[in-house]
């Protein structure tokens, strides 16, 4: 992921976060890939652009990239994230 995505890029949290601190629809800036987690997949370092989408007064997070969509639908990042999200949801074991 970190070799194929262009950083930083603007994105949006598109999956409902039942227990998360960030609400669906939050605008974010994805800074870099941080690590891989067995349960959550690839984790990115992000900043939330607008505090209204936060449950707590914090802007910087580690967040699953499978739940982020690139803002620019014509970008290579959009396609890579979309394909990863589909794979992560349906095919990983």
Protein backbone atom coordinates (compact mmCIF):
# COMPACT_ATOMS: atom_id res chain seq x y z
CA UNK A 1 0.00 0.00 0.00
CA UNK A 2 2.62 2.55 0.99
CA UNK A 3 4.48 1.90 -2.28
CA UNK A 4 1.39 2.30 -4.48
CA UNK A 5 -0.55 5.15 -2.85
CA UNK A 6 0.48 8.81 -3.17
CA UNK A 7 0.66 10.60 0.19
CA UNK A 8 -0.75 12.75 1.63
CA UNK A 9 -4.22 12.60 0.11
CA UNK A 10 -7.72 13.73 1.03
CA UNK A 11 -10.29 11.10 1.85
CA UNK A 12 -13.55 10.36 3.60
CA UNK A 13 -14.61 7.77 6.15
CA UNK A 14 -17.33 5.87 4.31
CA UNK A 15 -18.05 2.97 6.65
CA UNK A 16 -20.20 3.28 9.76
CA UNK A 17 -17.96 3.16 12.83
CA UNK A 18 -19.96 1.50 15.58
CA UNK A 19 -17.34 1.88 18.30
CA UNK A 20 -14.99 4.38 16.71
CA UNK A 21 -14.27 7.98 17.61
CA UNK A 22 -14.72 9.19 14.03
CA UNK A 23 -18.15 9.44 12.44
CA UNK A 24 -19.10 8.26 8.96
CA UNK A 25 -18.64 11.06 6.43
CA UNK A 26 -15.63 12.60 8.19
CA UNK A 27 -13.21 14.35 5.85
CA UNK A 28 -9.65 13.19 6.53
CA UNK A 29 -6.11 13.62 5.29
CA UNK A 30 -4.25 10.32 4.99
CA UNK A 31 -0.59 10.97 5.81
CA UNK A 32 1.03 7.55 5.62
CA UNK A 33 0.64 3.83 6.28
CA UNK A 34 1.59 3.02 9.87
CA UNK A 35 1.31 -0.77 10.25
CA UNK A 36 -0.76 -3.89 9.56
CA UNK A 37 -3.15 -5.39 12.06
CA UNK A 38 -4.47 -8.96 11.88
CA UNK A 39 -8.04 -7.86 12.62
CA UNK A 40 -8.32 -4.34 11.13
CA UNK A 41 -5.94 -4.70 8.18
CA UNK A 42 -3.75 -1.86 6.97
CA UNK A 43 -3.72 1.07 9.41
CA UNK A 44 -3.04 4.63 8.28
CA UNK A 45 -2.00 7.79 10.08
CA UNK A 46 -4.81 10.30 9.46
CA UNK A 47 -5.90 13.79 10.48
CA UNK A 48 -9.59 14.64 10.72
CA UNK A 49 -10.33 17.88 8.89
CA UNK A 50 -13.54 18.92 10.68
CA UNK A 51 -14.07 18.46 14.43
CA UNK A 52 -17.85 18.05 14.02
CA UNK A 53 -17.23 14.44 12.93
CA UNK A 54 -15.38 13.62 16.14
CA UNK A 55 -16.65 12.31 19.43
CA UNK A 56 -13.56 13.60 21.27
CA UNK A 57 -11.35 16.66 20.85
CA UNK A 58 -8.51 14.92 19.01
CA UNK A 59 -7.52 15.32 15.37
CA UNK A 60 -4.79 12.73 14.72
CA UNK A 61 -5.65 9.02 14.60
CA UNK A 62 -4.55 5.59 13.48
CA UNK A 63 -7.40 4.29 11.32
CA UNK A 64 -8.19 1.27 9.09
CA UNK A 65 -7.62 2.25 5.49
CA UNK A 66 -10.32 -0.21 4.36
CA UNK A 67 -12.87 2.29 5.74
CA UNK A 68 -11.48 5.30 3.85
CA UNK A 69 -12.32 6.39 0.33
CA UNK A 70 -10.10 8.83 -1.61
CA UNK A 71 -11.87 12.11 -2.32
CA UNK A 72 -10.74 12.27 -5.95
CA UNK A 73 -12.70 9.52 -7.71
CA UNK A 74 -10.45 9.77 -10.79
CA UNK A 75 -7.23 9.22 -8.87
CA UNK A 76 -5.17 6.06 -8.69
CA UNK A 77 -5.56 6.19 -4.90
CA UNK A 78 -9.35 5.90 -5.27
CA UNK A 79 -9.08 2.72 -7.31
CA UNK A 80 -6.47 1.13 -5.04
CA UNK A 81 -8.49 1.88 -1.89
CA UNK A 82 -11.72 0.66 -3.48
CA UNK A 83 -10.14 -2.64 -4.55
CA UNK A 84 -8.53 -3.13 -1.15
CA UNK A 85 -11.80 -2.40 0.67
CA UNK A 86 -13.69 -4.95 -1.44
CA UNK A 87 -10.95 -7.54 -0.88
CA UNK A 88 -10.75 -6.83 2.84
CA UNK A 89 -14.51 -7.12 3.27
CA UNK A 90 -15.08 -10.21 1.15
CA UNK A 91 -11.95 -12.23 0.56
CA UNK A 92 -9.40 -12.06 3.34
CA UNK A 93 -8.81 -14.97 5.69
